[in-house]
Amino acid sequence: MLIYKEKIKHNFFSTIKGGIFMNLKIREGNTNDYIAISNLVKEIHDLHVLNRPDVYLNVDNPFKKEQFEELLNSNNTNLFVVENTDNNELIGYSILQIMTTRNLNILIPLKFVYVDDFCIKSTYQKRGIGKMLFTHIVDYAKSNEASSIQLNVWDFNENAIKFYESLGMSTRNRKMELNI
C-alpha cells in the first residue's frame, strides 16, 4: 500500500512504501537510457516467451540499439522513463505514438495516443509507480488533444489487465485466433 505520494514539482515524485523512500522523476528518454531500457524490454519479452512460445522467439536481445535510435528519432513516437533519482536507476518506461483513425468514410476521425509498451521493473511493481507513469501519459494525451489512450494487452497477462482496468480502461475490441 502506498503510504505517501506527492507531486513535488513537474514530473518529480517522492514515494514511501514499506519504509523505502524513493525520489522519482518522469522524463523523456535519451540515448544514454538504452541499456536500462533494453533490460526492461527483456523482462517483458521473457514473460511473453513463457506464455506465448508459439508467437515469440527466445532471443538474447529483443530490443536492438538500431530500433532504439530509430524510436528516439521518430516524429510521432515518444519515450518516457521513470528514474529513481536517488540512485539514477531506470525503473520503468513507456513508448507512445500519436495516431489517428484510418481515413474511411465510415469512421469518425480521431486522434489518440497508442501505448506501444509500458513496463515497471518487476521489483518495483505495486508501489504506485505504474499509476504515476500512466497519469503522466494521460496528461501527455490531453496536451496533444487526443481523444483517448489505447493499447493492446495479451489475454494471459491478467495482472496488466487488472492494472489497466483499475485506471479506468475498458476493453474496446478483441483480436481472436484459431490455430490450425
N, C-alpha and C. Protein backbone atom coordinates (compact mmCIF):
# COMPACT_ATOMS: atom_id res chain seq x y z
N MET A 1 0.85 -1.17 0.00
CA MET A 1 0.00 0.00 0.00
C MET A 1 0.89 1.23 0.00
N LEU A 2 0.61 2.17 -0.88
CA LEU A 2 1.36 3.40 -0.97
C LEU A 2 1.00 4.28 0.21
N ILE A 3 1.98 4.63 0.99
CA ILE A 3 1.73 5.45 2.18
C ILE A 3 1.74 6.93 1.82
N TYR A 4 2.66 7.33 0.96
CA TYR A 4 2.81 8.74 0.67
C TYR A 4 3.21 8.92 -0.78
N LYS A 5 2.53 9.77 -1.46
CA LYS A 5 2.89 10.10 -2.84
C LYS A 5 2.54 11.54 -3.06
N GLU A 6 3.47 12.32 -3.49
CA GLU A 6 3.20 13.74 -3.72
C GLU A 6 3.96 14.19 -4.95
N LYS A 7 3.29 14.92 -5.79
CA LYS A 7 3.96 15.52 -6.94
C LYS A 7 4.66 16.77 -6.41
N ILE A 8 5.97 16.72 -6.32
CA ILE A 8 6.73 17.81 -5.73
C ILE A 8 6.82 18.99 -6.68
N LYS A 9 7.29 18.76 -7.87
CA LYS A 9 7.22 19.73 -8.96
C LYS A 9 7.08 18.93 -10.23
N HIS A 10 6.92 19.59 -11.32
CA HIS A 10 6.58 18.90 -12.56
C HIS A 10 7.43 17.65 -12.78
N ASN A 11 6.75 16.49 -12.76
CA ASN A 11 7.35 15.20 -13.06
C ASN A 11 8.33 14.68 -12.01
N PHE A 12 8.34 15.25 -10.82
CA PHE A 12 9.15 14.73 -9.73
C PHE A 12 8.21 14.21 -8.65
N PHE A 13 8.50 13.04 -8.13
CA PHE A 13 7.63 12.42 -7.14
C PHE A 13 8.48 11.85 -6.02
N SER A 14 7.89 11.75 -4.86
CA SER A 14 8.50 11.01 -3.75
C SER A 14 7.52 9.94 -3.32
N THR A 15 8.02 8.77 -3.04
CA THR A 15 7.14 7.70 -2.57
C THR A 15 7.77 7.01 -1.38
N ILE A 16 6.92 6.51 -0.51
CA ILE A 16 7.35 5.66 0.58
C ILE A 16 6.46 4.43 0.54
N LYS A 17 7.08 3.29 0.55
CA LYS A 17 6.32 2.04 0.65
C LYS A 17 7.17 1.06 1.43
N GLY A 18 6.59 0.50 2.45
CA GLY A 18 7.32 -0.48 3.25
C GLY A 18 8.59 0.09 3.83
N GLY A 19 8.57 1.38 4.17
CA GLY A 19 9.74 2.01 4.76
C GLY A 19 10.82 2.40 3.77
N ILE A 20 10.57 2.19 2.48
CA ILE A 20 11.56 2.54 1.46
C ILE A 20 11.14 3.85 0.82
N PHE A 21 12.00 4.83 0.88
CA PHE A 21 11.72 6.16 0.33
C PHE A 21 12.46 6.29 -0.99
N MET A 22 11.76 6.79 -2.01
CA MET A 22 12.37 6.99 -3.32
C MET A 22 11.96 8.34 -3.87
N ASN A 23 12.89 9.00 -4.53
CA ASN A 23 12.59 10.18 -5.31
C ASN A 23 12.57 9.74 -6.77
N LEU A 24 11.46 10.00 -7.44
CA LEU A 24 11.28 9.55 -8.81
C LEU A 24 11.10 10.73 -9.74
N LYS A 25 11.55 10.56 -10.95
CA LYS A 25 11.41 11.57 -11.98
C LYS A 25 10.93 10.90 -13.25
N ILE A 26 9.89 11.47 -13.86
CA ILE A 26 9.45 11.01 -15.17
C ILE A 26 9.98 12.01 -16.19
N ARG A 27 10.70 11.50 -17.17
CA ARG A 27 11.33 12.37 -18.17
C ARG A 27 11.33 11.68 -19.52
N GLU A 28 11.68 12.43 -20.54
CA GLU A 28 11.83 11.83 -21.87
C GLU A 28 13.10 10.99 -21.89
N GLY A 29 13.02 9.87 -22.58
CA GLY A 29 14.18 9.01 -22.70
C GLY A 29 15.22 9.62 -23.64
N ASN A 30 16.46 9.17 -23.48
CA ASN A 30 17.55 9.64 -24.34
C ASN A 30 18.50 8.49 -24.64
N THR A 31 19.49 8.76 -25.47
CA THR A 31 20.40 7.70 -25.93
C THR A 31 21.12 7.00 -24.78
N ASN A 32 21.34 7.69 -23.67
CA ASN A 32 22.03 7.09 -22.53
C ASN A 32 21.18 6.04 -21.81
N ASP A 33 19.90 5.96 -22.14
CA ASP A 33 18.99 5.04 -21.46
C ASP A 33 18.91 3.67 -22.11
N TYR A 34 19.63 3.46 -23.21
CA TYR A 34 19.45 2.24 -23.99
C TYR A 34 19.63 0.96 -23.17
N ILE A 35 20.71 0.83 -22.44
CA ILE A 35 20.99 -0.43 -21.73
C ILE A 35 19.90 -0.72 -20.70
N ALA A 36 19.52 0.28 -19.93
CA ALA A 36 18.49 0.08 -18.90
C ALA A 36 17.15 -0.29 -19.52
N ILE A 37 16.77 0.39 -20.59
CA ILE A 37 15.50 0.10 -21.23
C ILE A 37 15.57 -1.27 -21.90
N SER A 38 16.68 -1.60 -22.50
CA SER A 38 16.85 -2.91 -23.12
C SER A 38 16.65 -4.02 -22.09
N ASN A 39 17.15 -3.82 -20.88
CA ASN A 39 16.96 -4.81 -19.81
C ASN A 39 15.49 -4.93 -19.41
N LEU A 40 14.78 -3.81 -19.38
CA LEU A 40 13.35 -3.85 -19.06
C LEU A 40 12.56 -4.51 -20.19
N VAL A 41 12.93 -4.23 -21.43
CA VAL A 41 12.27 -4.89 -22.57
C VAL A 41 12.48 -6.40 -22.47
N LYS A 42 13.68 -6.81 -22.10
CA LYS A 42 13.98 -8.24 -21.95
C LYS A 42 13.09 -8.87 -20.89
N GLU A 43 12.84 -8.16 -19.81
CA GLU A 43 11.97 -8.67 -18.75
C GLU A 43 10.56 -8.93 -19.29
N ILE A 44 10.03 -7.98 -20.05
CA ILE A 44 8.71 -8.15 -20.66
C ILE A 44 8.73 -9.27 -21.69
N HIS A 45 9.77 -9.28 -22.50
CA HIS A 45 9.88 -10.28 -23.57
C HIS A 45 9.89 -11.70 -22.99
N ASP A 46 10.63 -11.90 -21.91
CA ASP A 46 10.70 -13.21 -21.29
C ASP A 46 9.32 -13.68 -20.82
N LEU A 47 8.51 -12.75 -20.30
CA LEU A 47 7.15 -13.07 -19.90
C LEU A 47 6.32 -13.53 -21.10
N HIS A 48 6.50 -12.83 -22.22
CA HIS A 48 5.77 -13.18 -23.44
C HIS A 48 6.24 -14.53 -24.00
N VAL A 49 7.53 -14.78 -23.98
CA VAL A 49 8.06 -16.06 -24.46
C VAL A 49 7.52 -17.20 -23.61
N LEU A 50 7.47 -17.01 -22.31
CA LEU A 50 6.97 -18.04 -21.40
C LEU A 50 5.51 -18.37 -21.68
N ASN A 51 4.70 -17.34 -21.94
CA ASN A 51 3.27 -17.54 -22.10
C ASN A 51 2.81 -17.74 -23.54
N ARG A 52 3.60 -17.29 -24.51
CA ARG A 52 3.23 -17.47 -25.92
C ARG A 52 4.45 -17.89 -26.74
N PRO A 53 4.99 -19.07 -26.43
CA PRO A 53 6.15 -19.54 -27.21
C PRO A 53 5.81 -19.82 -28.66
N ASP A 54 4.52 -19.87 -28.99
CA ASP A 54 4.10 -20.05 -30.38
C ASP A 54 4.18 -18.75 -31.16
N VAL A 55 4.41 -17.64 -30.47
CA VAL A 55 4.47 -16.32 -31.11
C VAL A 55 5.86 -15.70 -30.98
N TYR A 56 6.45 -15.82 -29.80
CA TYR A 56 7.70 -15.11 -29.50
C TYR A 56 8.89 -16.05 -29.49
N LEU A 57 9.97 -15.60 -30.13
CA LEU A 57 11.24 -16.32 -30.10
C LEU A 57 12.01 -15.93 -28.86
N ASN A 58 12.71 -16.88 -28.28
CA ASN A 58 13.55 -16.62 -27.13
C ASN A 58 14.90 -16.11 -27.63
N VAL A 59 15.06 -14.79 -27.62
CA VAL A 59 16.30 -14.17 -28.10
C VAL A 59 16.98 -13.44 -26.95
N ASP A 60 18.30 -13.30 -27.07
CA ASP A 60 19.07 -12.63 -26.01
C ASP A 60 18.76 -11.15 -25.90
N ASN A 61 18.57 -10.50 -27.05
CA ASN A 61 18.34 -9.06 -27.04
C ASN A 61 17.15 -8.72 -27.94
N PRO A 62 15.96 -8.63 -27.36
CA PRO A 62 14.78 -8.33 -28.18
C PRO A 62 14.67 -6.87 -28.61
N PHE A 63 15.56 -6.01 -28.13
CA PHE A 63 15.47 -4.58 -28.43
C PHE A 63 16.84 -4.08 -28.87
N LYS A 64 17.07 -4.12 -30.17
CA LYS A 64 18.38 -3.75 -30.72
C LYS A 64 18.61 -2.24 -30.64
N LYS A 65 19.85 -1.87 -30.57
CA LYS A 65 20.24 -0.47 -30.46
C LYS A 65 19.68 0.35 -31.63
N GLU A 66 19.67 -0.24 -32.84
CA GLU A 66 19.16 0.46 -34.02
C GLU A 66 17.68 0.79 -33.86
N GLN A 67 16.91 -0.16 -33.29
CA GLN A 67 15.48 0.08 -33.04
C GLN A 67 15.30 1.23 -32.06
N PHE A 68 16.13 1.24 -31.03
CA PHE A 68 16.06 2.28 -30.01
C PHE A 68 16.35 3.65 -30.60
N GLU A 69 17.40 3.73 -31.40
CA GLU A 69 17.77 5.01 -32.02
C GLU A 69 16.68 5.48 -32.99
N GLU A 70 16.10 4.55 -33.72
CA GLU A 70 15.01 4.88 -34.64
C GLU A 70 13.81 5.43 -33.86
N LEU A 71 13.53 4.82 -32.73
CA LEU A 71 12.43 5.27 -31.88
C LEU A 71 12.69 6.70 -31.40
N LEU A 72 13.90 6.98 -30.95
CA LEU A 72 14.22 8.32 -30.44
C LEU A 72 14.15 9.38 -31.53
N ASN A 73 14.40 8.99 -32.77
CA ASN A 73 14.41 9.95 -33.88
C ASN A 73 13.06 10.07 -34.59
N SER A 74 12.08 9.32 -34.15
CA SER A 74 10.77 9.34 -34.78
C SER A 74 10.00 10.60 -34.39
N ASN A 75 9.25 11.15 -35.34
CA ASN A 75 8.47 12.36 -35.07
C ASN A 75 7.17 12.10 -34.32
N ASN A 76 6.62 10.90 -34.46
CA ASN A 76 5.32 10.66 -33.82
C ASN A 76 5.40 9.68 -32.65
N THR A 77 6.61 9.39 -32.18
CA THR A 77 6.80 8.46 -31.07
C THR A 77 7.51 9.17 -29.93
N ASN A 78 7.07 8.87 -28.72
CA ASN A 78 7.70 9.44 -27.54
C ASN A 78 8.04 8.33 -26.56
N LEU A 79 9.15 8.49 -25.89
CA LEU A 79 9.61 7.55 -24.88
C LEU A 79 9.71 8.30 -23.56
N PHE A 80 8.96 7.83 -22.58
CA PHE A 80 9.06 8.39 -21.23
C PHE A 80 9.66 7.33 -20.32
N VAL A 81 10.53 7.76 -19.41
CA VAL A 81 11.15 6.84 -18.46
C VAL A 81 10.89 7.32 -17.04
N VAL A 82 10.89 6.35 -16.13
CA VAL A 82 10.78 6.65 -14.70
C VAL A 82 12.16 6.37 -14.12
N GLU A 83 12.74 7.39 -13.52
CA GLU A 83 14.09 7.28 -12.96
C GLU A 83 14.03 7.47 -11.45
N ASN A 84 14.65 6.55 -10.74
CA ASN A 84 14.86 6.73 -9.30
C ASN A 84 16.07 7.66 -9.17
N THR A 85 15.81 8.92 -8.82
CA THR A 85 16.90 9.90 -8.80
C THR A 85 17.85 9.71 -7.61
N ASP A 86 17.48 8.86 -6.67
CA ASP A 86 18.39 8.58 -5.55
C ASP A 86 19.58 7.76 -6.01
N ASN A 87 19.37 6.88 -7.01
CA ASN A 87 20.47 6.05 -7.49
C ASN A 87 20.60 6.03 -9.02
N ASN A 88 19.85 6.91 -9.69
CA ASN A 88 19.86 7.04 -11.16
C ASN A 88 19.45 5.76 -11.88
N GLU A 89 18.66 4.91 -11.22
CA GLU A 89 18.20 3.67 -11.84
C GLU A 89 16.90 3.92 -12.60
N LEU A 90 16.85 3.44 -13.84
CA LEU A 90 15.60 3.48 -14.60
C LEU A 90 14.77 2.29 -14.17
N ILE A 91 13.54 2.58 -13.72
CA ILE A 91 12.71 1.51 -13.19
C ILE A 91 11.42 1.32 -13.99
N GLY A 92 11.25 2.11 -15.03
CA GLY A 92 10.07 1.97 -15.87
C GLY A 92 10.18 2.80 -17.12
N TYR A 93 9.33 2.49 -18.08
CA TYR A 93 9.30 3.27 -19.32
C TYR A 93 7.98 3.04 -20.02
N SER A 94 7.68 3.91 -20.95
CA SER A 94 6.55 3.72 -21.84
C SER A 94 6.88 4.33 -23.19
N ILE A 95 6.50 3.61 -24.25
CA ILE A 95 6.67 4.09 -25.62
C ILE A 95 5.28 4.44 -26.13
N LEU A 96 5.13 5.68 -26.61
CA LEU A 96 3.83 6.20 -27.04
C LEU A 96 3.89 6.67 -28.47
N GLN A 97 2.79 6.49 -29.18
CA GLN A 97 2.64 7.01 -30.53
C GLN A 97 1.37 7.82 -30.61
N ILE A 98 1.45 8.97 -31.24
CA ILE A 98 0.25 9.73 -31.54
C ILE A 98 -0.26 9.22 -32.88
N MET A 99 -1.51 8.76 -32.89
CA MET A 99 -2.07 8.14 -34.09
C MET A 99 -3.43 8.75 -34.40
N THR A 100 -3.90 8.47 -35.60
CA THR A 100 -5.25 8.87 -36.00
C THR A 100 -5.95 7.65 -36.56
N THR A 101 -7.28 7.70 -36.51
CA THR A 101 -8.05 6.61 -37.12
C THR A 101 -7.81 6.60 -38.62
N ARG A 102 -8.02 5.44 -39.21
CA ARG A 102 -7.87 5.33 -40.66
C ARG A 102 -8.85 6.27 -41.36
N ASN A 103 -8.45 6.73 -42.50
CA ASN A 103 -9.28 7.67 -43.27
C ASN A 103 -10.32 6.89 -44.07
N LEU A 104 -11.39 6.51 -43.39
CA LEU A 104 -12.50 5.82 -44.03
C LEU A 104 -13.77 6.61 -43.78
N ASN A 105 -14.64 6.66 -44.77
CA ASN A 105 -15.84 7.48 -44.61
C ASN A 105 -16.83 6.94 -43.58
N ILE A 106 -16.58 5.74 -43.05
CA ILE A 106 -17.46 5.19 -42.02
C ILE A 106 -16.94 5.43 -40.60
N LEU A 107 -15.71 5.98 -40.48
CA LEU A 107 -15.11 6.19 -39.16
C LEU A 107 -15.05 7.68 -38.82
N ILE A 108 -15.32 7.97 -37.57
CA ILE A 108 -15.14 9.33 -37.07
C ILE A 108 -13.64 9.60 -36.98
N PRO A 109 -13.15 10.67 -37.57
CA PRO A 109 -11.71 10.95 -37.49
C PRO A 109 -11.33 11.33 -36.05
N LEU A 110 -10.41 10.57 -35.47
CA LEU A 110 -9.98 10.80 -34.09
C LEU A 110 -8.46 10.72 -33.98
N LYS A 111 -7.93 11.48 -33.06
CA LYS A 111 -6.52 11.39 -32.70
C LYS A 111 -6.45 10.70 -31.35
N PHE A 112 -5.54 9.73 -31.22
CA PHE A 112 -5.40 9.03 -29.94
C PHE A 112 -3.93 8.74 -29.67
N VAL A 113 -3.62 8.45 -28.42
CA VAL A 113 -2.28 8.04 -28.03
C VAL A 113 -2.30 6.53 -27.89
N TYR A 114 -1.41 5.88 -28.62
CA TYR A 114 -1.27 4.43 -28.54
C TYR A 114 -0.08 4.10 -27.66
N VAL A 115 -0.32 3.31 -26.62
CA VAL A 115 0.75 2.86 -25.72
C VAL A 115 1.33 1.60 -26.33
N ASP A 116 2.49 1.74 -26.95
CA ASP A 116 3.13 0.62 -27.62
C ASP A 116 3.81 -0.30 -26.62
N ASP A 117 4.33 0.26 -25.55
CA ASP A 117 5.00 -0.50 -24.50
C ASP A 117 4.80 0.23 -23.19
N PHE A 118 4.66 -0.55 -22.12
CA PHE A 118 4.53 0.01 -20.77
C PHE A 118 5.14 -1.00 -19.82
N CYS A 119 6.12 -0.57 -19.04
CA CYS A 119 6.81 -1.51 -18.15
C CYS A 119 7.28 -0.80 -16.89
N ILE A 120 7.01 -1.43 -15.76
CA ILE A 120 7.64 -1.07 -14.50
C ILE A 120 8.42 -2.30 -14.06
N LYS A 121 9.67 -2.11 -13.72
CA LYS A 121 10.53 -3.22 -13.31
C LYS A 121 9.81 -4.04 -12.25
N SER A 122 9.87 -5.37 -12.38
CA SER A 122 9.07 -6.25 -11.52
C SER A 122 9.33 -6.01 -10.04
N THR A 123 10.56 -5.69 -9.66
CA THR A 123 10.87 -5.46 -8.24
C THR A 123 10.32 -4.14 -7.71
N TYR A 124 9.78 -3.31 -8.60
CA TYR A 124 9.20 -2.02 -8.19
C TYR A 124 7.69 -1.96 -8.39
N GLN A 125 7.10 -3.04 -8.84
CA GLN A 125 5.66 -3.04 -9.07
C GLN A 125 4.89 -3.01 -7.76
N LYS A 126 3.64 -2.59 -7.85
CA LYS A 126 2.71 -2.49 -6.72
C LYS A 126 3.15 -1.44 -5.70
N ARG A 127 3.79 -0.38 -6.20
CA ARG A 127 4.20 0.74 -5.34
C ARG A 127 3.59 2.07 -5.81
N GLY A 128 2.69 2.01 -6.79
CA GLY A 128 2.08 3.23 -7.31
C GLY A 128 2.87 3.89 -8.42
N ILE A 129 3.98 3.31 -8.81
CA ILE A 129 4.84 3.90 -9.83
C ILE A 129 4.20 3.80 -11.21
N GLY A 130 3.58 2.66 -11.50
CA GLY A 130 2.88 2.50 -12.77
C GLY A 130 1.74 3.50 -12.90
N LYS A 131 1.04 3.72 -11.81
CA LYS A 131 -0.06 4.70 -11.83
C LYS A 131 0.48 6.11 -12.08
N MET A 132 1.63 6.44 -11.50
CA MET A 132 2.23 7.76 -11.76
C MET A 132 2.60 7.90 -13.22
N LEU A 133 3.19 6.86 -13.81
CA LEU A 133 3.58 6.92 -15.22
C LEU A 133 2.33 7.02 -16.10
N PHE A 134 1.30 6.26 -15.76
CA PHE A 134 0.08 6.31 -16.56
C PHE A 134 -0.58 7.69 -16.46
N THR A 135 -0.56 8.30 -15.29
CA THR A 135 -1.09 9.65 -15.12
C THR A 135 -0.33 10.63 -16.01
N HIS A 136 0.97 10.44 -16.10
CA HIS A 136 1.79 11.27 -16.99
C HIS A 136 1.36 11.08 -18.45
N ILE A 137 1.06 9.84 -18.82
CA ILE A 137 0.60 9.55 -20.18
C ILE A 137 -0.73 10.23 -20.45
N VAL A 138 -1.63 10.20 -19.48
CA VAL A 138 -2.92 10.89 -19.63
C VAL A 138 -2.69 12.38 -19.84
N ASP A 139 -1.82 12.98 -19.05
CA ASP A 139 -1.51 14.42 -19.22
C ASP A 139 -0.92 14.69 -20.60
N TYR A 140 -0.04 13.81 -21.05
CA TYR A 140 0.57 13.93 -22.38
C TYR A 140 -0.51 13.85 -23.46
N ALA A 141 -1.43 12.89 -23.33
CA ALA A 141 -2.51 12.73 -24.31
C ALA A 141 -3.39 13.98 -24.35
N LYS A 142 -3.73 14.50 -23.19
CA LYS A 142 -4.56 15.71 -23.13
C LYS A 142 -3.84 16.89 -23.77
N SER A 143 -2.55 17.02 -23.50
CA SER A 143 -1.79 18.15 -24.06
C SER A 143 -1.66 18.06 -25.57
N ASN A 144 -1.81 16.85 -26.11
CA ASN A 144 -1.77 16.65 -27.56
C ASN A 144 -3.16 16.54 -28.17
N GLU A 145 -4.17 16.90 -27.39
CA GLU A 145 -5.57 16.93 -27.82
C GLU A 145 -6.03 15.58 -28.36
N ALA A 146 -5.57 14.51 -27.73
CA ALA A 146 -6.01 13.16 -28.10
C ALA A 146 -7.37 12.89 -27.45
N SER A 147 -8.17 12.09 -28.13
CA SER A 147 -9.50 11.76 -27.60
C SER A 147 -9.46 10.54 -26.69
N SER A 148 -8.41 9.73 -26.78
CA SER A 148 -8.33 8.53 -25.95
C SER A 148 -6.89 8.02 -25.89
N ILE A 149 -6.71 7.06 -25.01
CA ILE A 149 -5.46 6.30 -24.91
C ILE A 149 -5.83 4.86 -25.20
N GLN A 150 -5.07 4.22 -26.09
CA GLN A 150 -5.36 2.84 -26.47
C GLN A 150 -4.09 2.00 -26.34
N LEU A 151 -4.29 0.72 -26.12
CA LEU A 151 -3.16 -0.22 -26.03
C LEU A 151 -3.67 -1.62 -26.29
N ASN A 152 -2.75 -2.52 -26.51
CA ASN A 152 -3.06 -3.95 -26.62
C ASN A 152 -2.42 -4.65 -25.43
N VAL A 153 -3.11 -5.65 -24.91
CA VAL A 153 -2.56 -6.44 -23.81
C VAL A 153 -2.93 -7.90 -24.07
N TRP A 154 -1.98 -8.79 -23.87
CA TRP A 154 -2.23 -10.21 -24.07
C TRP A 154 -3.20 -10.72 -23.01
N ASP A 155 -4.08 -11.61 -23.41
CA ASP A 155 -5.09 -12.17 -22.52
C ASP A 155 -4.48 -12.90 -21.33
N PHE A 156 -3.30 -13.49 -21.49
CA PHE A 156 -2.65 -14.21 -20.39
C PHE A 156 -2.16 -13.27 -19.30
N ASN A 157 -1.98 -12.00 -19.62
CA ASN A 157 -1.37 -11.05 -18.69
C ASN A 157 -2.43 -10.43 -17.78
N GLU A 158 -2.95 -11.25 -16.88
CA GLU A 158 -4.05 -10.85 -16.01
C GLU A 158 -3.68 -9.68 -15.10
N ASN A 159 -2.43 -9.65 -14.63
CA ASN A 159 -2.01 -8.54 -13.77
C ASN A 159 -2.06 -7.22 -14.51
N ALA A 160 -1.61 -7.22 -15.76
CA ALA A 160 -1.65 -5.99 -16.55
C ALA A 160 -3.09 -5.58 -16.83
N ILE A 161 -3.94 -6.55 -17.14
CA ILE A 161 -5.34 -6.24 -17.42
C ILE A 161 -5.99 -5.60 -16.19
N LYS A 162 -5.77 -6.18 -15.02
CA LYS A 162 -6.32 -5.62 -13.78
C LYS A 162 -5.77 -4.22 -13.53
N PHE A 163 -4.49 -4.02 -13.78
CA PHE A 163 -3.87 -2.71 -13.59
C PHE A 163 -4.54 -1.68 -14.50
N TYR A 164 -4.65 -1.98 -15.78
CA TYR A 164 -5.25 -1.03 -16.72
C TYR A 164 -6.72 -0.77 -16.38
N GLU A 165 -7.44 -1.80 -16.00
CA GLU A 165 -8.84 -1.61 -15.60
C GLU A 165 -8.94 -0.73 -14.36
N SER A 166 -8.00 -0.87 -13.42
CA SER A 166 -8.02 -0.04 -12.21
C SER A 166 -7.80 1.44 -12.53
N LEU A 167 -7.23 1.71 -13.71
CA LEU A 167 -7.00 3.09 -14.14
C LEU A 167 -8.15 3.62 -14.98
N GLY A 168 -9.19 2.81 -15.16
CA GLY A 168 -10.37 3.25 -15.89
C GLY A 168 -10.44 2.77 -17.33
N MET A 169 -9.47 1.99 -17.77
CA MET A 169 -9.51 1.49 -19.14
C MET A 169 -10.52 0.36 -19.24
N SER A 170 -11.08 0.19 -20.43
CA SER A 170 -12.02 -0.89 -20.69
C SER A 170 -11.69 -1.53 -22.03
N THR A 171 -12.20 -2.73 -22.22
CA THR A 171 -11.95 -3.45 -23.47
C THR A 171 -12.70 -2.78 -24.60
N ARG A 172 -11.98 -2.47 -25.66
CA ARG A 172 -12.55 -1.80 -26.83
C ARG A 172 -12.95 -2.81 -27.89
N ASN A 173 -12.09 -3.79 -28.15
CA ASN A 173 -12.37 -4.86 -29.10
C ASN A 173 -11.49 -6.04 -28.77
N ARG A 174 -11.69 -7.14 -29.45
CA ARG A 174 -10.89 -8.35 -29.21
C ARG A 174 -10.26 -8.80 -30.51
N LYS A 175 -9.04 -9.26 -30.40
CA LYS A 175 -8.37 -9.91 -31.53
C LYS A 175 -8.38 -11.40 -31.21
N MET A 176 -8.97 -12.19 -32.09
CA MET A 176 -9.12 -13.61 -31.82
C MET A 176 -8.30 -14.42 -32.83
N GLU A 177 -8.02 -15.68 -32.47
CA GLU A 177 -7.25 -16.53 -33.37
C GLU A 177 -7.76 -17.96 -33.30
N LEU A 178 -7.48 -18.69 -34.35
CA LEU A 178 -7.74 -20.12 -34.40
C LEU A 178 -6.47 -20.77 -34.94
N ASN A 179 -5.78 -21.51 -34.11
CA ASN A 179 -4.57 -22.20 -34.57
C ASN A 179 -4.97 -23.41 -35.40
N ILE A 180 -4.38 -23.55 -36.56
CA ILE A 180 -4.70 -24.67 -37.44
C ILE A 180 -3.43 -25.41 -37.86
